[in-house]
Protein backbone atom coordinates (compact mmCIF):
# COMPACT_ATOMS: atom_id res chain seq x y z
CA MET A 1 -3.08 208.44 19.94
CA LEU A 2 -4.72 205.21 18.75
CA ARG A 3 -6.52 205.40 15.46
CA PRO A 4 -10.31 204.72 15.66
CA PHE A 5 -10.13 201.13 14.45
CA LEU A 6 -7.33 200.36 16.90
CA ARG A 7 -9.42 201.94 19.67
CA VAL A 8 -12.33 199.69 18.68
CA LEU A 9 -10.15 196.56 18.63
CA ALA A 10 -8.58 197.35 21.97
CA CYS A 11 -11.97 197.97 23.66
CA ALA A 12 -13.45 194.81 22.15
CA LEU A 13 -10.63 192.81 23.68
CA LEU A 14 -10.74 194.63 27.04
CA GLY A 15 -14.59 194.90 27.32
CA CYS A 16 -14.87 198.65 27.51
CA SER A 17 -18.08 200.29 28.39
CA VAL A 18 -19.62 203.05 26.22
CA ALA A 19 -18.50 205.62 28.71
CA THR A 20 -14.84 204.68 28.24
CA LEU A 21 -15.07 203.46 24.66
CA TYR A 22 -15.40 206.95 23.29
CA ALA A 23 -13.87 208.90 26.15
CA GLY A 24 -11.46 210.50 23.63
CA GLN A 25 -13.87 210.93 20.79
CA THR A 26 -14.47 214.56 21.42
CA SER A 27 -10.75 215.25 21.45
CA ARG A 28 -10.43 214.29 17.71
CA ARG A 29 -9.77 217.43 15.76
CA TYR A 30 -11.73 218.33 12.70
CA PRO A 31 -11.82 221.58 10.85
CA SER A 32 -14.18 223.76 12.85
CA GLY A 33 -15.68 225.46 9.78
CA GLY A 34 -16.52 228.48 11.84
CA ALA A 35 -18.30 226.44 14.54
CA ALA A 36 -20.15 228.44 17.11
CA PRO A 37 -18.22 229.04 20.34
CA SER A 38 -21.04 227.37 22.34
CA SER A 39 -20.49 224.08 20.39
CA GLU A 40 -16.80 224.10 21.02
CA ARG A 41 -17.37 224.97 24.70
CA ALA A 42 -19.83 222.03 25.00
CA LEU A 43 -17.31 219.65 23.46
CA THR A 44 -14.52 220.87 25.66
CA LEU A 45 -16.66 220.46 28.82
CA ALA A 46 -17.55 216.93 27.67
CA GLN A 47 -13.92 216.03 26.90
CA SER A 48 -12.91 217.15 30.39
CA GLY A 49 -15.61 215.00 32.01
CA ARG A 50 -17.89 217.88 32.98
CA CYS A 51 -20.83 216.16 31.45
CA LYS A 52 -23.55 217.75 33.56
CA GLU A 53 -22.59 221.16 32.33
CA ALA A 54 -21.94 219.91 28.71
CA LEU A 55 -25.22 218.14 28.07
CA PRO A 56 -27.54 221.24 28.00
CA LEU A 57 -25.07 222.96 25.58
CA LEU A 58 -24.78 219.82 23.45
CA LYS A 59 -28.61 219.58 23.16
CA ARG A 60 -28.76 223.18 22.10
CA ALA A 61 -25.92 222.97 19.67
CA ARG A 62 -27.17 219.86 17.81
CA PRO A 63 -29.95 221.40 15.79
CA GLN A 64 -27.91 224.55 15.11
CA THR A 65 -24.95 222.78 13.62
CA ALA A 66 -24.57 222.37 9.85
CA ASP A 67 -20.99 220.98 9.72
CA LYS A 68 -21.09 217.18 9.43
CA ASP A 69 -17.87 216.54 11.42
CA LEU A 70 -19.08 218.78 14.19
CA LYS A 71 -22.40 216.94 14.30
CA ARG A 72 -20.48 213.69 14.72
CA ARG A 73 -18.52 215.06 17.60
CA ILE A 74 -21.57 216.49 19.30
CA GLY A 75 -23.45 213.14 18.81
CA PHE A 76 -20.65 210.96 20.24
CA ALA A 77 -20.14 213.42 23.17
CA GLY A 78 -23.95 213.33 23.87
CA VAL A 79 -24.02 209.60 23.97
CA ARG A 80 -21.00 209.29 26.25
CA CYS A 81 -22.21 212.03 28.61
CA GLY A 82 -25.71 210.58 28.76
CA MET A 83 -24.38 207.19 29.77
CA PHE A 84 -21.75 208.72 32.17
CA THR A 85 -24.39 210.73 33.93
CA ASP A 86 -26.83 207.84 34.12
CA GLN A 87 -29.34 209.39 31.77
CA PRO A 88 -30.06 206.57 29.29
CA ASP A 89 -32.95 208.47 27.60
CA VAL A 90 -30.56 211.27 26.74
CA ALA A 91 -27.95 208.80 25.42
CA GLN A 92 -30.60 207.11 23.32
CA ASP A 93 -31.76 210.47 21.95
CA PHE A 94 -28.25 211.33 20.81
CA LEU A 95 -27.86 207.83 19.37
CA VAL A 96 -31.02 208.25 17.29
CA PHE A 97 -29.57 211.53 16.03
CA LEU A 98 -26.32 209.87 15.00
CA ASN A 99 -28.04 207.02 13.19
CA ARG A 100 -30.28 209.41 11.35
CA GLU A 101 -27.46 211.71 10.29
CA PHE A 102 -24.90 209.05 9.59
CA PRO A 103 -26.81 205.94 8.49
CA HIS A 104 -24.76 202.78 8.03
CA ASP A 105 -21.61 204.50 9.46
CA PRO A 106 -19.55 201.72 10.99
CA GLU A 107 -18.40 203.69 14.00
CA VAL A 108 -21.94 204.89 14.76
CA LEU A 109 -23.28 201.35 14.42
CA TYR A 110 -20.51 200.06 16.70
CA LEU A 111 -21.37 202.74 19.24
CA SER A 112 -25.01 201.70 18.92
CA VAL A 113 -24.14 198.08 19.74
CA HIS A 114 -22.25 198.95 22.78
CA THR A 115 -24.72 201.54 24.07
CA TYR A 116 -27.72 199.17 23.85
CA SER A 117 -25.57 196.33 25.31
CA ASP A 118 -24.69 198.58 28.26
CA LEU A 119 -28.29 199.53 28.85
CA SER A 120 -29.34 195.92 28.73
CA SER A 121 -26.58 194.98 31.21
CA ARG A 122 -27.56 197.79 33.56
CA ALA A 123 -31.25 196.77 33.51
CA ALA A 124 -30.30 193.08 34.03
CA ALA A 125 -28.09 194.06 36.97
CA ASP A 126 -30.84 196.13 38.52
CA LEU A 127 -33.28 193.29 38.20
CA ALA A 128 -30.80 190.80 39.65
CA THR A 129 -30.10 193.17 42.56
CA THR A 130 -33.61 194.36 43.37
CA ALA A 131 -35.82 191.36 42.56
CA PRO A 132 -33.71 188.18 41.91
CA LYS A 133 -36.51 185.85 43.09
CA SER A 134 -39.26 187.45 41.07
CA ALA A 135 -40.77 185.71 38.14
CA GLN A 136 -38.94 188.12 35.83
CA GLY A 137 -35.70 187.50 37.71
CA HIS A 138 -36.00 183.71 37.19
CA GLU A 139 -37.03 184.28 33.52
CA LEU A 140 -34.04 186.44 32.82
CA HIS A 141 -31.75 183.88 34.49
CA ALA A 142 -33.35 181.11 32.39
CA GLU A 143 -32.68 183.08 29.19
CA THR A 144 -29.07 183.48 30.16
CA LEU A 145 -28.76 179.73 30.78
CA GLU A 146 -30.39 179.09 27.40
CA THR A 147 -27.68 181.05 25.62
CA GLN A 148 -25.14 178.84 27.41
CA GLU A 149 -27.08 175.74 26.29
CA LYS A 150 -27.64 174.65 29.88
CA TRP A 151 -31.08 173.29 29.01
CA ASP A 152 -31.82 171.46 32.24
CA GLU A 153 -30.86 174.42 34.45
CA ALA A 154 -32.84 176.81 32.29
CA ALA A 155 -35.88 174.50 32.57
CA LYS A 156 -35.72 174.60 36.37
CA GLU A 157 -35.73 178.42 36.27
CA TYR A 158 -38.83 178.40 33.98
CA ARG A 159 -40.53 175.96 36.31
CA LEU A 160 -39.88 178.46 39.19
CA VAL A 161 -41.54 181.15 37.06
CA LEU A 162 -44.61 178.95 36.66
CA GLU A 163 -44.75 178.35 40.38
CA GLN A 164 -45.24 182.11 40.86
CA ASN A 165 -47.41 182.69 37.84
CA PRO A 166 -48.82 179.46 36.37
CA ARG A 167 -50.59 181.26 33.49
CA LEU A 168 -47.79 183.56 32.41
CA PRO A 169 -47.81 183.53 28.55
CA GLY A 170 -44.75 182.17 26.78
CA ILE A 171 -43.19 180.04 29.54
CA HIS A 172 -44.70 176.66 28.46
CA PHE A 173 -43.59 177.46 24.88
CA ARG A 174 -40.01 178.05 26.07
CA LEU A 175 -40.03 174.87 28.10
CA GLY A 176 -41.07 172.90 25.06
CA ARG A 177 -38.43 174.69 22.89
CA LEU A 178 -35.81 173.69 25.45
CA LEU A 179 -36.73 170.04 25.22
CA LEU A 180 -36.39 170.21 21.38
CA SER A 181 -33.10 172.08 21.58
CA LYS A 182 -31.23 169.13 22.96
CA THR A 183 -28.70 167.52 20.67
CA ASN A 184 -30.73 164.37 20.27
CA PRO A 185 -34.14 164.86 21.82
CA SER A 186 -35.71 161.52 22.75
CA PRO A 187 -39.30 160.49 21.89
CA SER A 188 -40.26 161.29 25.50
CA ASP A 189 -38.69 164.76 25.10
CA ALA A 190 -40.72 165.25 21.95
CA GLU A 191 -43.93 164.08 23.69
CA GLN A 192 -43.26 166.41 26.63
CA ALA A 193 -42.65 169.27 24.33
CA ARG A 194 -45.97 168.54 22.59
CA LYS A 195 -47.72 168.75 25.98
CA GLU A 196 -45.95 172.06 26.79
CA MET A 197 -47.10 173.60 23.48
CA GLN A 198 -50.70 172.40 24.07
CA GLU A 199 -50.55 174.03 27.61
CA GLU A 200 -49.22 177.26 26.09
CA LEU A 201 -52.11 177.41 23.64
CA GLU A 202 -54.60 176.89 26.49
CA ILE A 203 -53.06 180.06 28.06
CA ASP A 204 -52.43 181.97 24.87
CA PRO A 205 -54.39 180.66 21.85
CA THR A 206 -52.74 183.34 19.57
CA ASN A 207 -49.21 181.84 19.97
CA ALA A 208 -48.37 181.09 16.30
CA GLY A 209 -44.95 179.62 17.35
CA ALA A 210 -46.61 176.89 19.48
CA GLU A 211 -48.96 175.93 16.65
CA TYR A 212 -45.94 175.72 14.32
CA VAL A 213 -44.01 173.44 16.64
CA LEU A 214 -46.98 171.14 17.01
CA GLY A 215 -47.15 171.09 13.17
CA GLU A 216 -43.50 170.10 12.97
CA LEU A 217 -43.98 167.31 15.53
CA ALA A 218 -46.95 165.99 13.66
CA LYS A 219 -44.98 166.19 10.37
CA GLN A 220 -42.06 164.16 11.89
CA ASN A 221 -44.59 161.49 12.65
CA GLN A 222 -46.09 161.71 9.15
CA GLN A 223 -49.42 162.75 10.64
CA TRP A 224 -50.17 164.97 7.67
CA ASP A 225 -53.76 165.93 8.47
CA GLU A 226 -52.76 167.03 11.97
CA ALA A 227 -49.72 168.87 10.61
CA VAL A 228 -52.02 170.75 8.08
CA GLN A 229 -54.30 171.84 11.04
CA HIS A 230 -51.47 173.29 13.11
CA PHE A 231 -49.52 174.84 10.24
CA SER A 232 -52.63 176.46 8.88
CA ARG A 233 -53.50 177.93 12.32
CA ALA A 234 -49.96 179.31 12.67
CA ALA A 235 -50.12 180.90 9.21
CA LYS A 236 -53.54 182.47 9.95
CA LEU A 237 -52.33 183.81 13.29
CA ASP A 238 -49.24 185.39 11.64
CA ALA A 239 -49.55 186.17 7.94
CA SER A 240 -45.79 186.91 7.76
CA PHE A 241 -44.80 183.47 9.18
CA GLY A 242 -43.10 182.00 6.12
CA ASP A 243 -42.11 178.70 7.70
CA ALA A 244 -45.73 178.04 8.53
CA PHE A 245 -46.75 178.38 4.93
CA VAL A 246 -43.90 176.11 3.91
CA GLY A 247 -45.07 173.50 6.43
CA TRP A 248 -48.72 173.88 5.41
CA GLY A 249 -48.07 173.67 1.73
CA GLY A 250 -45.52 170.85 2.17
CA SER A 251 -48.02 168.77 4.15
CA LEU A 252 -50.61 169.19 1.48
CA VAL A 253 -48.00 168.01 -1.07
CA SER A 254 -47.52 164.92 1.03
CA LEU A 255 -51.24 164.40 0.98
CA LYS A 256 -51.02 164.72 -2.84
CA LYS A 257 -53.35 167.81 -2.63
CA PHE A 258 -51.13 169.68 -5.09
CA SER A 259 -53.65 172.26 -6.36
CA ASP A 260 -54.47 173.23 -2.73
CA ALA A 261 -50.75 173.50 -1.99
CA ILE A 262 -49.85 175.88 -4.75
CA PRO A 263 -51.22 179.22 -3.45
CA LEU A 264 -49.76 178.52 -0.03
CA LEU A 265 -46.29 177.75 -1.38
CA GLU A 266 -46.47 180.80 -3.76
CA THR A 267 -47.00 182.81 -0.52
CA ALA A 268 -44.12 180.93 1.06
CA VAL A 269 -41.65 181.89 -1.72
CA LYS A 270 -42.78 185.51 -1.53
CA LEU A 271 -42.07 185.56 2.18
CA GLN A 272 -38.88 183.46 1.96
CA SER A 273 -37.47 183.96 -1.48
CA GLY A 274 -34.09 182.42 -0.33
CA ASN A 275 -35.54 179.19 1.09
CA PRO A 276 -34.74 176.27 -1.27
CA ALA A 277 -37.33 174.02 0.41
CA ALA A 278 -40.18 176.38 -0.49
CA HIS A 279 -39.12 176.55 -4.13
CA TYR A 280 -38.62 172.75 -4.20
CA LEU A 281 -42.10 172.04 -2.89
CA LEU A 282 -43.68 174.60 -5.17
CA ALA A 283 -41.85 172.99 -8.11
CA ILE A 284 -43.37 169.62 -7.21
CA ALA A 285 -46.80 171.08 -6.84
CA TYR A 286 -46.54 172.78 -10.23
CA ALA A 287 -45.17 169.66 -11.92
CA ARG A 288 -47.91 167.40 -10.54
CA THR A 289 -50.60 169.81 -11.79
CA GLY A 290 -49.26 169.97 -15.33
CA ARG A 291 -47.47 173.30 -15.04
CA LYS A 292 -44.13 171.98 -16.40
CA GLU A 293 -42.55 175.34 -17.27
CA ASP A 294 -43.31 176.83 -13.86
CA GLY A 295 -42.02 173.67 -12.21
CA ASP A 296 -38.83 173.72 -14.16
CA ARG A 297 -38.33 177.34 -13.14
CA GLU A 298 -38.78 176.62 -9.44
CA PHE A 299 -36.52 173.61 -9.66
CA ALA A 300 -33.81 175.75 -11.20
CA VAL A 301 -34.18 178.38 -8.45
CA GLN A 302 -34.03 175.70 -5.70
CA LYS A 303 -30.86 174.18 -7.31
CA GLN A 304 -29.22 177.61 -7.57
CA LEU A 305 -30.04 178.44 -3.85
CA THR A 306 -28.88 175.09 -2.68
CA GLN A 307 -25.55 175.42 -4.46
CA LYS A 308 -25.00 178.91 -2.96
CA GLY A 309 -25.94 177.51 0.49
CA ALA A 310 -28.40 180.38 0.87
CA ALA A 311 -30.50 178.48 3.40
CA GLY A 312 -29.01 175.53 5.28
CA GLU A 313 -32.38 174.53 6.77
CA GLY A 314 -33.66 174.21 3.20
CA ASP A 315 -30.86 171.75 2.37
CA SER A 316 -31.90 169.41 5.22
CA ALA A 317 -35.63 169.76 4.34
CA SER A 318 -35.36 168.89 0.66
CA PRO A 319 -34.22 165.25 1.00
CA SER A 320 -37.19 164.45 3.26
CA SER A 321 -39.65 166.11 0.89
CA PRO A 322 -41.65 164.01 -1.66
CA ASN A 323 -39.80 162.86 -4.70
CA PRO A 324 -40.99 164.78 -7.81
CA ASN A 325 -40.79 161.61 -9.85
């Protein structure tokens, strides 16, 4: 019989579903430790494919079982039988149980990946079959095209969504993002993306992502005051949006408003401690306000992070940031 890691490898190559991936899981023999006959009967039924009979027994056996190995077998059998009998809620319940009882267990995590992937695939297939021309059907198709980097085809699908629901939140944002996702977006692409973000904000004024993109576009054109307006709105809409604080503080540094930039960049490094650009900008702000020791400390952190390659986006941001000298 294949060992567990060989089973995982084989199924990864062959594209097994959850139902087949752990079809033999319940046949693995562990010391029973005096397991109750009902537990063993439930596992035997599950192993033989009699899942409808097994599930009620597995549910009852789960809270009554103290043996860890037996719990694993019950959990795996429950997930498999839940998926096999088309009861995703039952499968998820057993999956939650496994993750609670065996946190960070590689095999449990692997099963989680495949279970949720199967559930996603089933829902996508149902949507494609029952309502392919719906706004949601076009949106899902567009998302799939995005993952394939088929930007123009995805944009067409999003346009079809807007034909059905012109004020559906998020669609203009995605259209703008598509334009900026191209390898070398042209100035006209950037201008169209800006318009899409503005339209998104007319529909959903709380979209922090749209404000952030508008801030980035303004920053690229060195329109610092406009950049400050958009980055600040993004940060106020989402207090955990670290990149927005970096953009806001960095724009103020470019405007030489170093004192105003410091609290924003201090927030940025708390939210993104591994972002070299945030530390770099904070170091500049400290240095320019006479806080030399604080500035040296932040420069040292930035240098260390850059050397480790902790944040590639910070590496590209630093050269375009103001020179501390």
